Amino acid sequence: MTRNITQRELRNDSGKIMRALDRGERFIVTRNGVPVAELNPIRRRVFVPKDELLEIFRGAPHIDFKQFRKDIDALVDQDPTPRAYRRR
């Protein structure tokens, strides 16, 4: 559930709001009744064991890395020379 709070509430009750964010609450910050920001908790990273990850990708198609590199080079400008020094 998202709760609206004023800019003043954010300033005066920042500790309480931070603890609410820790619990997963979300906020819309308003200034003069106009929404100006969203405060959302950051999602925690989830560790996936190596064996599980390998099992997930076991059915994935094989990648030919040389062909993949050629495809990328054909689509993306990989010239490391700064643009200012390139010949036109």
C-alpha atoms as a PDB file:
ATOM      1  CA  MET A   1       0.000   0.000   0.000  1.00  0.00           C
ATOM      2  CA  THR A   2       1.314   3.464  -0.919  1.00  0.00           C
ATOM      3  CA  ARG A   3       0.864   6.293   1.519  1.00  0.00           C
ATOM      4  CA  ASN A   4       0.978  10.016   0.679  1.00  0.00           C
ATOM      5  CA  ILE A   5       3.177  12.178   2.887  1.00  0.00           C
ATOM      6  CA  THR A   6       4.039  15.851   2.684  1.00  0.00           C
ATOM      7  CA  GLN A   7       7.523  17.238   2.240  1.00  0.00           C
ATOM      8  CA  ARG A   8       7.302  18.511   5.816  1.00  0.00           C
ATOM      9  CA  GLU A   9       6.397  15.026   7.135  1.00  0.00           C
ATOM     10  CA  LEU A  10       9.404  13.586   5.312  1.00  0.00           C
ATOM     11  CA  ARG A  11      11.676  16.179   6.904  1.00  0.00           C
ATOM     12  CA  ASN A  12      10.232  15.932  10.420  1.00  0.00           C
ATOM     13  CA  ASP A  13       9.605  12.172  10.570  1.00  0.00           C
ATOM     14  CA  SER A  14      12.435  10.817   8.421  1.00  0.00           C
ATOM     15  CA  GLY A  15      13.458   8.180  10.997  1.00  0.00           C
ATOM     16  CA  LYS A  16       9.929   6.821  11.272  1.00  0.00           C
ATOM     17  CA  ILE A  17       9.576   6.818   7.491  1.00  0.00           C
ATOM     18  CA  MET A  18      12.894   4.970   7.046  1.00  0.00           C
ATOM     19  CA  ARG A  19      11.743   2.271   9.482  1.00  0.00           C
ATOM     20  CA  ALA A  20       8.482   1.962   7.523  1.00  0.00           C
ATOM     21  CA  LEU A  21      10.504   1.560   4.313  1.00  0.00           C
ATOM     22  CA  ASP A  22      12.443  -1.233   6.042  1.00  0.00           C
ATOM     23  CA  ARG A  23       9.089  -2.942   6.609  1.00  0.00           C
ATOM     24  CA  GLY A  24       8.238  -2.632   2.909  1.00  0.00           C
ATOM     25  CA  GLU A  25       5.956   0.398   2.975  1.00  0.00           C
ATOM     26  CA  ARG A  26       5.918   2.830   0.035  1.00  0.00           C
ATOM     27  CA  PHE A  27       5.376   6.583  -0.026  1.00  0.00           C
ATOM     28  CA  ILE A  28       4.455   9.381  -2.426  1.00  0.00           C
ATOM     29  CA  VAL A  29       5.955  12.693  -1.299  1.00  0.00           C
ATOM     30  CA  THR A  30       3.869  15.777  -2.079  1.00  0.00           C
ATOM     31  CA  ARG A  31       4.701  19.463  -2.097  1.00  0.00           C
ATOM     32  CA  ASN A  32       1.726  21.814  -1.962  1.00  0.00           C
ATOM     33  CA  GLY A  33      -0.500  18.824  -2.724  1.00  0.00           C
ATOM     34  CA  VAL A  34       1.410  17.917  -5.904  1.00  0.00           C
ATOM     35  CA  PRO A  35       3.261  14.550  -6.035  1.00  0.00           C
ATOM     36  CA  VAL A  36       6.999  15.136  -6.491  1.00  0.00           C
ATOM     37  CA  ALA A  37       8.681  11.847  -5.527  1.00  0.00           C
ATOM     38  CA  GLU A  38       8.216   8.177  -4.756  1.00  0.00           C
ATOM     39  CA  LEU A  39       9.981   6.376  -1.920  1.00  0.00           C
ATOM     40  CA  ASN A  40      10.203   2.629  -2.410  1.00  0.00           C
ATOM     41  CA  PRO A  41      12.167   0.051  -0.449  1.00  0.00           C
ATOM     42  CA  ILE A  42      15.108  -1.445  -2.323  1.00  0.00           C
ATOM     43  CA  ARG A  43      14.596  -5.080  -3.141  1.00  0.00           C
ATOM     44  CA  ARG A  44      16.960  -7.349  -1.299  1.00  0.00           C
ATOM     45  CA  ARG A  45      19.199  -9.509  -3.459  1.00  0.00           C
ATOM     46  CA  VAL A  46      18.528 -13.195  -3.293  1.00  0.00           C
ATOM     47  CA  PHE A  47      21.480 -15.586  -3.380  1.00  0.00           C
ATOM     48  CA  VAL A  48      21.030 -18.436  -5.841  1.00  0.00           C
ATOM     49  CA  PRO A  49      23.330 -21.420  -5.253  1.00  0.00           C
ATOM     50  CA  LYS A  50      25.642 -22.291  -8.163  1.00  0.00           C
ATOM     51  CA  ASP A  51      24.119 -25.747  -8.672  1.00  0.00           C
ATOM     52  CA  GLU A  52      20.624 -24.247  -8.926  1.00  0.00           C
ATOM     53  CA  LEU A  53      21.801 -21.655 -11.430  1.00  0.00           C
ATOM     54  CA  LEU A  54      23.506 -24.289 -13.575  1.00  0.00           C
ATOM     55  CA  GLU A  55      20.304 -26.338 -13.546  1.00  0.00           C
ATOM     56  CA  ILE A  56      18.286 -23.308 -14.659  1.00  0.00           C
ATOM     57  CA  PHE A  57      20.578 -22.736 -17.652  1.00  0.00           C
ATOM     58  CA  ARG A  58      21.053 -26.410 -18.520  1.00  0.00           C
ATOM     59  CA  GLY A  59      18.333 -26.245 -21.196  1.00  0.00           C
ATOM     60  CA  ALA A  60      19.532 -22.944 -22.688  1.00  0.00           C
ATOM     61  CA  PRO A  61      20.789 -22.990 -26.279  1.00  0.00           C
ATOM     62  CA  HIS A  62      24.537 -23.109 -26.952  1.00  0.00           C
ATOM     63  CA  ILE A  63      26.173 -19.769 -27.773  1.00  0.00           C
ATOM     64  CA  ASP A  64      28.925 -19.550 -30.390  1.00  0.00           C
ATOM     65  CA  PHE A  65      30.962 -16.784 -28.747  1.00  0.00           C
ATOM     66  CA  LYS A  66      32.997 -15.963 -31.884  1.00  0.00           C
ATOM     67  CA  GLN A  67      29.797 -15.463 -33.890  1.00  0.00           C
ATOM     68  CA  PHE A  68      28.240 -13.534 -31.002  1.00  0.00           C
ATOM     69  CA  ARG A  69      31.251 -11.176 -30.970  1.00  0.00           C
ATOM     70  CA  LYS A  70      30.991 -10.663 -34.755  1.00  0.00           C
ATOM     71  CA  ASP A  71      27.298  -9.867 -34.417  1.00  0.00           C
ATOM     72  CA  ILE A  72      27.956  -7.333 -31.655  1.00  0.00           C
ATOM     73  CA  ASP A  73      30.803  -5.693 -33.601  1.00  0.00           C
ATOM     74  CA  ALA A  74      28.546  -5.371 -36.640  1.00  0.00           C
ATOM     75  CA  LEU A  75      25.901  -3.529 -34.599  1.00  0.00           C
ATOM     76  CA  VAL A  76      27.915  -1.447 -32.129  1.00  0.00           C
ATOM     77  CA  ASP A  77      30.669   1.111 -32.752  1.00  0.00           C
ATOM     78  CA  GLN A  78      33.561  -0.352 -30.760  1.00  0.00           C
ATOM     79  CA  ASP A  79      36.264   2.132 -31.873  1.00  0.00           C
ATOM     80  CA  PRO A  80      38.136   3.127 -28.677  1.00  0.00           C
ATOM     81  CA  THR A  81      39.538   6.306 -30.292  1.00  0.00           C
ATOM     82  CA  PRO A  82      37.940   9.421 -28.753  1.00  0.00           C
ATOM     83  CA  ARG A  83      35.475  10.962 -31.212  1.00  0.00           C
ATOM     84  CA  ALA A  84      37.379  14.244 -31.250  1.00  0.00           C
ATOM     85  CA  TYR A  85      40.427  12.456 -32.752  1.00  0.00           C
ATOM     86  CA  ARG A  86      38.651  10.337 -35.367  1.00  0.00           C
ATOM     87  CA  ARG A  87      39.157  11.175 -39.022  1.00  0.00           C
ATOM     88  CA  ARG A  88      36.032  12.278 -40.767  1.00  0.00           C
END
